[in-house]
C-alpha atoms as a PDB file:
ATOM      1  CA  UNK A   1      79.532 111.832  95.490  1.00  0.00           C
ATOM      2  CA  UNK A   2      82.588 114.067  95.407  1.00  0.00           C
ATOM      3  CA  UNK A   3      84.194 114.694  92.018  1.00  0.00           C
ATOM      4  CA  UNK A   4      87.940 115.229  92.101  1.00  0.00           C
ATOM      5  CA  UNK A   5      90.964 115.506  89.831  1.00  0.00           C
ATOM      6  CA  UNK A   6      94.100 113.578  90.749  1.00  0.00           C
ATOM      7  CA  UNK A   7      97.503 114.440  89.343  1.00  0.00           C
ATOM      8  CA  UNK A   8      99.343 111.286  88.324  1.00  0.00           C
ATOM      9  CA  UNK A   9     102.542 112.688  86.849  1.00  0.00           C
ATOM     10  CA  UNK A  10     103.824 115.719  84.986  1.00  0.00           C
ATOM     11  CA  UNK A  11     101.067 116.851  82.635  1.00  0.00           C
ATOM     12  CA  UNK A  12      98.690 113.979  83.442  1.00  0.00           C
ATOM     13  CA  UNK A  13      95.628 113.997  85.679  1.00  0.00           C
ATOM     14  CA  UNK A  14      92.678 111.651  85.998  1.00  0.00           C
ATOM     15  CA  UNK A  15      89.079 112.350  86.961  1.00  0.00           C
ATOM     16  CA  UNK A  16      87.680 110.419  89.879  1.00  0.00           C
ATOM     17  CA  UNK A  17      84.600 110.276  92.086  1.00  0.00           C
ATOM     18  CA  UNK A  18      84.623 109.475  95.795  1.00  0.00           C
ATOM     19  CA  UNK A  19      81.557 108.042  97.515  1.00  0.00           C
ATOM     20  CA  UNK A  20      81.751 108.486 101.282  1.00  0.00           C
ATOM     21  CA  UNK A  21      79.756 106.413 103.781  1.00  0.00           C
ATOM     22  CA  UNK A  22      77.672 108.205 106.406  1.00  0.00           C
ATOM     23  CA  UNK A  23      79.523 106.701 109.358  1.00  0.00           C
ATOM     24  CA  UNK A  24      83.062 105.527 109.943  1.00  0.00           C
ATOM     25  CA  UNK A  25      84.321 103.641 106.869  1.00  0.00           C
ATOM     26  CA  UNK A  26      84.925  99.925 107.291  1.00  0.00           C
ATOM     27  CA  UNK A  27      87.275  99.756 104.261  1.00  0.00           C
ATOM     28  CA  UNK A  28      88.281 101.493 101.021  1.00  0.00           C
ATOM     29  CA  UNK A  29      87.265 100.121  97.637  1.00  0.00           C
ATOM     30  CA  UNK A  30      88.734 101.265  94.314  1.00  0.00           C
ATOM     31  CA  UNK A  31      86.697 100.226  91.275  1.00  0.00           C
ATOM     32  CA  UNK A  32      88.802  99.591  88.167  1.00  0.00           C
ATOM     33  CA  UNK A  33      86.684  99.829  85.031  1.00  0.00           C
ATOM     34  CA  UNK A  34      86.519  97.726  81.889  1.00  0.00           C
ATOM     35  CA  UNK A  35      87.799  98.689  78.431  1.00  0.00           C
ATOM     36  CA  UNK A  36      85.776 101.551  76.998  1.00  0.00           C
ATOM     37  CA  UNK A  37      83.498 101.821  80.059  1.00  0.00           C
ATOM     38  CA  UNK A  38      83.273 105.205  81.765  1.00  0.00           C
ATOM     39  CA  UNK A  39      83.262 105.479  85.538  1.00  0.00           C
ATOM     40  CA  UNK A  40      79.664 106.695  85.534  1.00  0.00           C
ATOM     41  CA  UNK A  41      78.564 103.170  84.676  1.00  0.00           C
ATOM     42  CA  UNK A  42      79.579 102.084  88.184  1.00  0.00           C
ATOM     43  CA  UNK A  43      78.033 105.062  90.032  1.00  0.00           C
ATOM     44  CA  UNK A  44      74.848 103.352  91.242  1.00  0.00           C
ATOM     45  CA  UNK A  45      76.789 100.364  92.551  1.00  0.00           C
ATOM     46  CA  UNK A  46      79.419 102.633  94.139  1.00  0.00           C
ATOM     47  CA  UNK A  47      76.736 104.696  95.872  1.00  0.00           C
ATOM     48  CA  UNK A  48      75.071 101.539  97.170  1.00  0.00           C
ATOM     49  CA  UNK A  49      78.413 100.187  98.381  1.00  0.00           C
ATOM     50  CA  UNK A  50      79.080 103.442 100.236  1.00  0.00           C
ATOM     51  CA  UNK A  51      75.734 102.873 101.940  1.00  0.00           C
ATOM     52  CA  UNK A  52      77.153  99.604 103.268  1.00  0.00           C
ATOM     53  CA  UNK A  53      80.002 101.441 104.982  1.00  0.00           C
ATOM     54  CA  UNK A  54      82.712 101.454 102.297  1.00  0.00           C
ATOM     55  CA  UNK A  55      84.609 104.480 101.019  1.00  0.00           C
ATOM     56  CA  UNK A  56      84.451 103.939  97.260  1.00  0.00           C
ATOM     57  CA  UNK A  57      86.512 105.530  94.487  1.00  0.00           C
ATOM     58  CA  UNK A  58      85.810 105.294  90.760  1.00  0.00           C
ATOM     59  CA  UNK A  59      87.967 106.846  88.045  1.00  0.00           C
ATOM     60  CA  UNK A  60      88.566 107.149  84.320  1.00  0.00           C
ATOM     61  CA  UNK A  61      91.939 106.168  82.872  1.00  0.00           C
ATOM     62  CA  UNK A  62      93.920 108.937  81.180  1.00  0.00           C
ATOM     63  CA  UNK A  63      92.712 109.861  77.703  1.00  0.00           C
ATOM     64  CA  UNK A  64      89.320 108.279  78.352  1.00  0.00           C
ATOM     65  CA  UNK A  65      85.947 109.361  79.742  1.00  0.00           C
ATOM     66  CA  UNK A  66      86.113 112.394  82.039  1.00  0.00           C
ATOM     67  CA  UNK A  67      89.926 112.174  82.036  1.00  0.00           C
ATOM     68  CA  UNK A  68      90.118 112.968  78.316  1.00  0.00           C
ATOM     69  CA  UNK A  69      91.591 116.393  77.582  1.00  0.00           C
ATOM     70  CA  UNK A  70      91.537 117.428  73.928  1.00  0.00           C
ATOM     71  CA  UNK A  71      91.092 115.084  70.946  1.00  0.00           C
ATOM     72  CA  UNK A  72      91.663 111.405  71.636  1.00  0.00           C
ATOM     73  CA  UNK A  73      93.904 111.133  68.575  1.00  0.00           C
ATOM     74  CA  UNK A  74      96.428 113.284  70.444  1.00  0.00           C
ATOM     75  CA  UNK A  75      96.511 111.016  73.510  1.00  0.00           C
ATOM     76  CA  UNK A  76      99.825 109.228  74.035  1.00  0.00           C
ATOM     77  CA  UNK A  77      99.057 106.414  76.453  1.00  0.00           C
ATOM     78  CA  UNK A  78      99.255 102.656  76.688  1.00  0.00           C
ATOM     79  CA  UNK A  79      98.163 100.039  79.214  1.00  0.00           C
ATOM     80  CA  UNK A  80     101.246 100.571  81.364  1.00  0.00           C
ATOM     81  CA  UNK A  81     100.174 104.205  81.693  1.00  0.00           C
ATOM     82  CA  UNK A  82      96.677 103.096  82.661  1.00  0.00           C
ATOM     83  CA  UNK A  83      98.201 100.861  85.329  1.00  0.00           C
ATOM     84  CA  UNK A  84     100.051 103.946  86.671  1.00  0.00           C
ATOM     85  CA  UNK A  85      96.726 105.791  86.828  1.00  0.00           C
ATOM     86  CA  UNK A  86      95.198 102.879  88.732  1.00  0.00           C
ATOM     87  CA  UNK A  87      98.111 102.861  91.162  1.00  0.00           C
ATOM     88  CA  UNK A  88      97.873 106.624  91.727  1.00  0.00           C
ATOM     89  CA  UNK A  89      94.187 106.289  92.594  1.00  0.00           C
ATOM     90  CA  UNK A  90      95.000 103.392  94.930  1.00  0.00           C
ATOM     91  CA  UNK A  91      97.684 105.468  96.661  1.00  0.00           C
ATOM     92  CA  UNK A  92      95.279 108.380  97.124  1.00  0.00           C
ATOM     93  CA  UNK A  93      92.582 106.095  98.539  1.00  0.00           C
ATOM     94  CA  UNK A  94      95.098 104.495 100.891  1.00  0.00           C
ATOM     95  CA  UNK A  95      96.313 107.903 102.098  1.00  0.00           C
ATOM     96  CA  UNK A  96      92.735 109.015 102.780  1.00  0.00           C
ATOM     97  CA  UNK A  97      92.025 105.957 104.942  1.00  0.00           C
ATOM     98  CA  UNK A  98      95.402 104.550 106.024  1.00  0.00           C
ATOM     99  CA  UNK A  99      94.177 102.446 108.950  1.00  0.00           C
ATOM    100  CA  UNK A 100      91.535 100.460 107.049  1.00  0.00           C
ATOM    101  CA  UNK A 101      91.882  97.708 104.414  1.00  0.00           C
ATOM    102  CA  UNK A 102      91.901  98.682 100.751  1.00  0.00           C
ATOM    103  CA  UNK A 103      90.247  96.384  98.236  1.00  0.00           C
ATOM    104  CA  UNK A 104      90.049  96.507  94.463  1.00  0.00           C
ATOM    105  CA  UNK A 105      86.909  95.611  92.574  1.00  0.00           C
ATOM    106  CA  UNK A 106      88.060  95.055  89.016  1.00  0.00           C
ATOM    107  CA  UNK A 107      85.656  94.716  86.114  1.00  0.00           C
ATOM    108  CA  UNK A 108      87.283  92.987  83.130  1.00  0.00           C
ATOM    109  CA  UNK A 109      90.412  95.117  82.436  1.00  0.00           C
ATOM    110  CA  UNK A 110      90.168  96.390  86.004  1.00  0.00           C
ATOM    111  CA  UNK A 111      91.127  92.915  87.236  1.00  0.00           C
ATOM    112  CA  UNK A 112      93.979  92.541  84.732  1.00  0.00           C
ATOM    113  CA  UNK A 113      95.920  95.736  85.432  1.00  0.00           C
ATOM    114  CA  UNK A 114      96.561  95.032  89.153  1.00  0.00           C
ATOM    115  CA  UNK A 115      99.159  92.522  87.973  1.00  0.00           C
ATOM    116  CA  UNK A 116     101.178  95.473  86.665  1.00  0.00           C
ATOM    117  CA  UNK A 117     101.248  97.426  89.923  1.00  0.00           C
ATOM    118  CA  UNK A 118     104.695  98.476  91.098  1.00  0.00           C
ATOM    119  CA  UNK A 119     103.587  98.546  94.733  1.00  0.00           C
ATOM    120  CA  UNK A 120     101.027  95.758  95.196  1.00  0.00           C
ATOM    121  CA  UNK A 121     101.559  95.899  98.951  1.00  0.00           C
ATOM    122  CA  UNK A 122      99.080  98.814  99.114  1.00  0.00           C
ATOM    123  CA  UNK A 123      96.260  96.404  98.230  1.00  0.00           C
ATOM    124  CA  UNK A 124      94.554  93.954 100.591  1.00  0.00           C
ATOM    125  CA  UNK A 125      92.540  92.008  98.018  1.00  0.00           C
ATOM    126  CA  UNK A 126      90.988  91.923  94.542  1.00  0.00           C
ATOM    127  CA  UNK A 127      87.407  90.991  93.675  1.00  0.00           C
ATOM    128  CA  UNK A 128      87.419  90.285  89.943  1.00  0.00           C
ATOM    129  CA  UNK A 129      84.127  90.563  88.044  1.00  0.00           C
ATOM    130  CA  UNK A 130      83.681  89.097  84.538  1.00  0.00           C
ATOM    131  CA  UNK A 131      87.422  89.252  83.901  1.00  0.00           C
ATOM    132  CA  UNK A 132      89.865  86.918  82.231  1.00  0.00           C
ATOM    133  CA  UNK A 133      92.675  86.593  79.771  1.00  0.00           C
ATOM    134  CA  UNK A 134      91.823  88.338  76.534  1.00  0.00           C
ATOM    135  CA  UNK A 135      93.627  85.710  74.446  1.00  0.00           C
ATOM    136  CA  UNK A 136      91.321  85.291  71.496  1.00  0.00           C
ATOM    137  CA  UNK A 137      91.105  81.499  71.629  1.00  0.00           C
ATOM    138  CA  UNK A 138      89.770  81.828  75.188  1.00  0.00           C
ATOM    139  CA  UNK A 139      86.964  84.151  74.085  1.00  0.00           C
ATOM    140  CA  UNK A 140      83.320  83.035  74.124  1.00  0.00           C
ATOM    141  CA  UNK A 141      82.358  81.153  70.925  1.00  0.00           C
ATOM    142  CA  UNK A 142      80.291  83.911  69.321  1.00  0.00           C
ATOM    143  CA  UNK A 143      82.997  86.510  69.925  1.00  0.00           C
ATOM    144  CA  UNK A 144      85.747  84.183  68.751  1.00  0.00           C
ATOM    145  CA  UNK A 145      84.123  83.941  65.317  1.00  0.00           C
ATOM    146  CA  UNK A 146      84.456  87.703  64.891  1.00  0.00           C
ATOM    147  CA  UNK A 147      87.984  88.031  66.261  1.00  0.00           C
ATOM    148  CA  UNK A 148      89.975  87.521  63.012  1.00  0.00           C
ATOM    149  CA  UNK A 149      88.164  90.423  61.361  1.00  0.00           C
ATOM    150  CA  UNK A 150      88.348  92.575  64.497  1.00  0.00           C
ATOM    151  CA  UNK A 151      92.049  92.189  65.275  1.00  0.00           C
ATOM    152  CA  UNK A 152      93.509  91.755  61.787  1.00  0.00           C
ATOM    153  CA  UNK A 153      91.312  94.172  59.800  1.00  0.00           C
ATOM    154  CA  UNK A 154      89.082  96.563  61.762  1.00  0.00           C
ATOM    155  CA  UNK A 155      91.426  97.619  64.575  1.00  0.00           C
ATOM    156  CA  UNK A 156      94.566  98.284  62.483  1.00  0.00           C
ATOM    157  CA  UNK A 157      92.627 100.043  59.715  1.00  0.00           C
ATOM    158  CA  UNK A 158      90.336 102.183  61.884  1.00  0.00           C
ATOM    159  CA  UNK A 159      93.157 103.162  64.247  1.00  0.00           C
ATOM    160  CA  UNK A 160      95.438 104.192  61.414  1.00  0.00           C
ATOM    161  CA  UNK A 161      92.715 106.225  59.705  1.00  0.00           C
ATOM    162  CA  UNK A 162      91.451 108.007  62.841  1.00  0.00           C
ATOM    163  CA  UNK A 163      94.540 108.150  65.044  1.00  0.00           C
ATOM    164  CA  UNK A 164      92.571 106.320  67.750  1.00  0.00           C
ATOM    165  CA  UNK A 165      90.078 103.467  67.813  1.00  0.00           C
ATOM    166  CA  UNK A 166      86.565 104.926  67.200  1.00  0.00           C
ATOM    167  CA  UNK A 167      84.771 102.151  69.013  1.00  0.00           C
ATOM    168  CA  UNK A 168      81.610 104.121  69.811  1.00  0.00           C
ATOM    169  CA  UNK A 169      80.878 104.758  66.144  1.00  0.00           C
ATOM    170  CA  UNK A 170      81.680 101.164  65.292  1.00  0.00           C
ATOM    171  CA  UNK A 171      79.720  99.856  68.302  1.00  0.00           C
ATOM    172  CA  UNK A 172      82.769  97.870  69.366  1.00  0.00           C
ATOM    173  CA  UNK A 173      84.298  98.234  72.855  1.00  0.00           C
ATOM    174  CA  UNK A 174      84.290 102.066  72.969  1.00  0.00           C
ATOM    175  CA  UNK A 175      86.709 104.823  71.999  1.00  0.00           C
ATOM    176  CA  UNK A 176      90.291 103.957  72.953  1.00  0.00           C
ATOM    177  CA  UNK A 177      93.651 105.715  72.470  1.00  0.00           C
ATOM    178  CA  UNK A 178      95.819 104.193  69.744  1.00  0.00           C
ATOM    179  CA  UNK A 179      98.542 103.055  72.151  1.00  0.00           C
ATOM    180  CA  UNK A 180      95.990 101.280  74.326  1.00  0.00           C
ATOM    181  CA  UNK A 181      94.138  99.385  71.586  1.00  0.00           C
ATOM    182  CA  UNK A 182      97.312  98.366  69.731  1.00  0.00           C
ATOM    183  CA  UNK A 183      98.985  97.061  72.901  1.00  0.00           C
ATOM    184  CA  UNK A 184      95.784  95.237  73.844  1.00  0.00           C
ATOM    185  CA  UNK A 185      95.802  93.688  70.369  1.00  0.00           C
ATOM    186  CA  UNK A 186      99.274  92.264  71.005  1.00  0.00           C
ATOM    187  CA  UNK A 187      98.120  90.858  74.331  1.00  0.00           C
ATOM    188  CA  UNK A 188      95.018  89.247  72.867  1.00  0.00           C
ATOM    189  CA  UNK A 189      96.994  87.527  70.114  1.00  0.00           C
ATOM    190  CA  UNK A 190      99.387  85.920  72.591  1.00  0.00           C
ATOM    191  CA  UNK A 191      98.463  82.607  74.293  1.00  0.00           C
ATOM    192  CA  UNK A 192      99.671  83.853  77.685  1.00  0.00           C
ATOM    193  CA  UNK A 193      98.201  87.317  77.183  1.00  0.00           C
ATOM    194  CA  UNK A 194     100.053  90.240  78.823  1.00  0.00           C
ATOM    195  CA  UNK A 195     102.780  88.066  80.321  1.00  0.00           C
ATOM    196  CA  UNK A 196     103.565  86.439  76.982  1.00  0.00           C
ATOM    197  CA  UNK A 197     103.380  89.679  75.005  1.00  0.00           C
ATOM    198  CA  UNK A 198     105.509  91.754  77.370  1.00  0.00           C
ATOM    199  CA  UNK A 199     108.007  89.247  78.700  1.00  0.00           C
ATOM    200  CA  UNK A 200     109.713  88.410  82.015  1.00  0.00           C
ATOM    201  CA  UNK A 201     109.324  91.817  83.681  1.00  0.00           C
ATOM    202  CA  UNK A 202     105.530  91.623  83.521  1.00  0.00           C
ATOM    203  CA  UNK A 203     105.582  87.994  84.656  1.00  0.00           C
ATOM    204  CA  UNK A 204     107.611  89.103  87.681  1.00  0.00           C
ATOM    205  CA  UNK A 205     105.115  91.860  88.500  1.00  0.00           C
ATOM    206  CA  UNK A 206     102.201  89.436  88.496  1.00  0.00           C
ATOM    207  CA  UNK A 207     104.321  87.095  90.558  1.00  0.00           C
ATOM    208  CA  UNK A 208     104.949  89.834  93.130  1.00  0.00           C
ATOM    209  CA  UNK A 209     101.234  90.029  93.953  1.00  0.00           C
ATOM    210  CA  UNK A 210     100.446  88.428  97.287  1.00  0.00           C
ATOM    211  CA  UNK A 211      96.982  89.835  97.978  1.00  0.00           C
ATOM    212  CA  UNK A 212      94.052  87.386  97.604  1.00  0.00           C
ATOM    213  CA  UNK A 213      92.136  87.261  94.324  1.00  0.00           C
ATOM    214  CA  UNK A 214      88.516  86.106  94.099  1.00  0.00           C
ATOM    215  CA  UNK A 215      87.232  85.924  90.524  1.00  0.00           C
ATOM    216  CA  UNK A 216      83.513  85.860  89.708  1.00  0.00           C
ATOM    217  CA  UNK A 217      82.804  84.199  86.361  1.00  0.00           C
ATOM    218  CA  UNK A 218      79.365  84.572  84.739  1.00  0.00           C
ATOM    219  CA  UNK A 219      78.069  81.461  83.013  1.00  0.00           C
ATOM    220  CA  UNK A 220      76.331  83.563  80.328  1.00  0.00           C
ATOM    221  CA  UNK A 221      79.220  85.989  79.740  1.00  0.00           C
ATOM    222  CA  UNK A 222      79.117  86.790  76.030  1.00  0.00           C
ATOM    223  CA  UNK A 223      82.802  87.759  75.978  1.00  0.00           C
ATOM    224  CA  UNK A 224      84.659  85.711  78.578  1.00  0.00           C
ATOM    225  CA  UNK A 225      84.798  81.962  79.199  1.00  0.00           C
ATOM    226  CA  UNK A 226      85.563  80.132  82.424  1.00  0.00           C
ATOM    227  CA  UNK A 227      88.786  78.983  80.786  1.00  0.00           C
ATOM    228  CA  UNK A 228      89.756  82.610  80.147  1.00  0.00           C
ATOM    229  CA  UNK A 229      88.981  83.581  83.724  1.00  0.00           C
ATOM    230  CA  UNK A 230      91.097  80.744  85.054  1.00  0.00           C
ATOM    231  CA  UNK A 231      93.928  81.749  82.709  1.00  0.00           C
ATOM    232  CA  UNK A 232      93.958  85.265  84.164  1.00  0.00           C
ATOM    233  CA  UNK A 233      93.835  83.986  87.735  1.00  0.00           C
ATOM    234  CA  UNK A 234      96.794  81.714  86.958  1.00  0.00           C
ATOM    235  CA  UNK A 235      98.905  84.776  86.091  1.00  0.00           C
ATOM    236  CA  UNK A 236      98.696  85.735  89.772  1.00  0.00           C
ATOM    237  CA  UNK A 237     100.925  82.764  90.414  1.00  0.00           C
ATOM    238  CA  UNK A 238     101.894  83.497  94.022  1.00  0.00           C
ATOM    239  CA  UNK A 239      98.604  84.912  95.290  1.00  0.00           C
ATOM    240  CA  UNK A 240      95.784  83.067  97.071  1.00  0.00           C
ATOM    241  CA  UNK A 241      93.126  82.677  94.379  1.00  0.00           C
ATOM    242  CA  UNK A 242      89.646  81.285  93.868  1.00  0.00           C
ATOM    243  CA  UNK A 243      87.137  81.288  91.015  1.00  0.00           C
ATOM    244  CA  UNK A 244      83.381  81.247  91.605  1.00  0.00           C
ATOM    245  CA  UNK A 245      80.892  80.586  88.840  1.00  0.00           C
ATOM    246  CA  UNK A 246      77.580  82.486  88.824  1.00  0.00           C
ATOM    247  CA  UNK A 247      74.593  81.621  86.625  1.00  0.00           C
ATOM    248  CA  UNK A 248      71.537  83.847  86.077  1.00  0.00           C
ATOM    249  CA  UNK A 249      69.261  81.228  87.649  1.00  0.00           C
ATOM    250  CA  UNK A 250      71.309  81.481  90.853  1.00  0.00           C
ATOM    251  CA  UNK A 251      69.914  84.999  91.338  1.00  0.00           C
ATOM    252  CA  UNK A 252      66.534  84.446  89.623  1.00  0.00           C
ATOM    253  CA  UNK A 253      67.527  86.462  86.556  1.00  0.00           C
ATOM    254  CA  UNK A 254      67.255  85.842  82.837  1.00  0.00           C
ATOM    255  CA  UNK A 255      70.671  87.309  82.141  1.00  0.00           C
ATOM    256  CA  UNK A 256      73.812  88.704  83.757  1.00  0.00           C
ATOM    257  CA  UNK A 257      76.389  88.676  80.965  1.00  0.00           C
ATOM    258  CA  UNK A 258      79.636  90.604  80.878  1.00  0.00           C
ATOM    259  CA  UNK A 259      78.184  93.938  82.001  1.00  0.00           C
ATOM    260  CA  UNK A 260      75.064  93.101  83.985  1.00  0.00           C
ATOM    261  CA  UNK A 261      76.613  92.720  87.450  1.00  0.00           C
ATOM    262  CA  UNK A 262      76.522  96.494  88.024  1.00  0.00           C
ATOM    263  CA  UNK A 263      72.899  97.039  86.983  1.00  0.00           C
ATOM    264  CA  UNK A 264      70.242  98.061  89.517  1.00  0.00           C
ATOM    265  CA  UNK A 265      68.310  94.815  89.103  1.00  0.00           C
ATOM    266  CA  UNK A 266      70.996  93.052  91.158  1.00  0.00           C
ATOM    267  CA  UNK A 267      70.806  95.446  94.128  1.00  0.00           C
ATOM    268  CA  UNK A 268      69.192  92.735  96.255  1.00  0.00           C
ATOM    269  CA  UNK A 269      71.237  89.770  95.043  1.00  0.00           C
ATOM    270  CA  UNK A 270      74.687  90.214  93.508  1.00  0.00           C
ATOM    271  CA  UNK A 271      75.507  93.503  95.212  1.00  0.00           C
ATOM    272  CA  UNK A 272      75.162  92.237  98.802  1.00  0.00           C
ATOM    273  CA  UNK A 273      77.129  89.180  97.766  1.00  0.00           C
ATOM    274  CA  UNK A 274      79.932  91.436  96.499  1.00  0.00           C
ATOM    275  CA  UNK A 275      79.996  93.460  99.729  1.00  0.00           C
ATOM    276  CA  UNK A 276      80.343  90.300 101.793  1.00  0.00           C
ATOM    277  CA  UNK A 277      83.008  88.926  99.440  1.00  0.00           C
ATOM    278  CA  UNK A 278      85.073  92.106  99.672  1.00  0.00           C
ATOM    279  CA  UNK A 279      85.171  91.810 103.440  1.00  0.00           C
ATOM    280  CA  UNK A 280      85.954  88.113 103.160  1.00  0.00           C
ATOM    281  CA  UNK A 281      88.915  88.483 100.817  1.00  0.00           C
ATOM    282  CA  UNK A 282      91.326  87.917 103.664  1.00  0.00           C
ATOM    283  CA  UNK A 283      90.236  84.288 103.910  1.00  0.00           C
ATOM    284  CA  UNK A 284      90.442  83.365 100.212  1.00  0.00           C
ATOM    285  CA  UNK A 285      92.187  80.015  99.928  1.00  0.00           C
ATOM    286  CA  UNK A 286      94.374  79.247  96.945  1.00  0.00           C
ATOM    287  CA  UNK A 287      93.668  76.557  94.350  1.00  0.00           C
ATOM    288  CA  UNK A 288      90.252  75.595  95.610  1.00  0.00           C
ATOM    289  CA  UNK A 289      87.921  74.153  92.962  1.00  0.00           C
ATOM    290  CA  UNK A 290      85.549  76.404  91.061  1.00  0.00           C
ATOM    291  CA  UNK A 291      82.277  76.745  92.981  1.00  0.00           C
ATOM    292  CA  UNK A 292      78.759  77.466  91.810  1.00  0.00           C
ATOM    293  CA  UNK A 293      77.151  76.548  88.515  1.00  0.00           C
ATOM    294  CA  UNK A 294      79.568  75.109  85.968  1.00  0.00           C
ATOM    295  CA  UNK A 295      77.365  75.044  82.890  1.00  0.00           C
END
């Protein structure tokens, strides 16, 4: 693992880690993390993936994780800025391996932000893991019961008092800059999520995506429903897309959930599946029915 710092724009850098394969790389993979999840969470999976011949890059968005400089309350960033960070990491990965395909593996938020890329032509495909629209009515039932308190009371109050969202102390999501959590709140309260909250320009950016999108939906995801996953996939209106449903019993596990995919217990099951799916992104067919367990 090689730790690096990448300059994104004037005064802004992000921390990233590069995992190099032993032989000639077969492709580049950039892992886009979920809300409040530091890049270290993906390190074991990234190292394993490098062992399969991929050059893998993980990173922390500005003002978060290893990219945080100074107090979080002083961070001025929103989700458009995080999309710029993502794109800068993509550009660096592409420059390091220009002759090979470049794939994104997006966990939750990491599969939403590619719709905001200004240059989606750098990307050859997106494998989405446990991602979907954050619109609150598409949340899993247990989460949906807590949403009114979370979005209308806790987030506005805690963010105003602290100058950022202190998610770690509250055991909700994780620490997030004020601009990020408040923009995400607007998205989650809109039926068409980011596209509805931000308007035609964002709809056009999602529409400009032509790389294939394969979305993996976990049947026991405590945050995201199949309906929410399909809603996100639908935003990529002009891309070849497919949704696959995965249940714990499919891989002889008791639980996968929203975060389990990247845990070591799935080294022999879900991880090889992901490696094969990354290489197969070029043959994703659009509007095929959901496959796998539907319960």
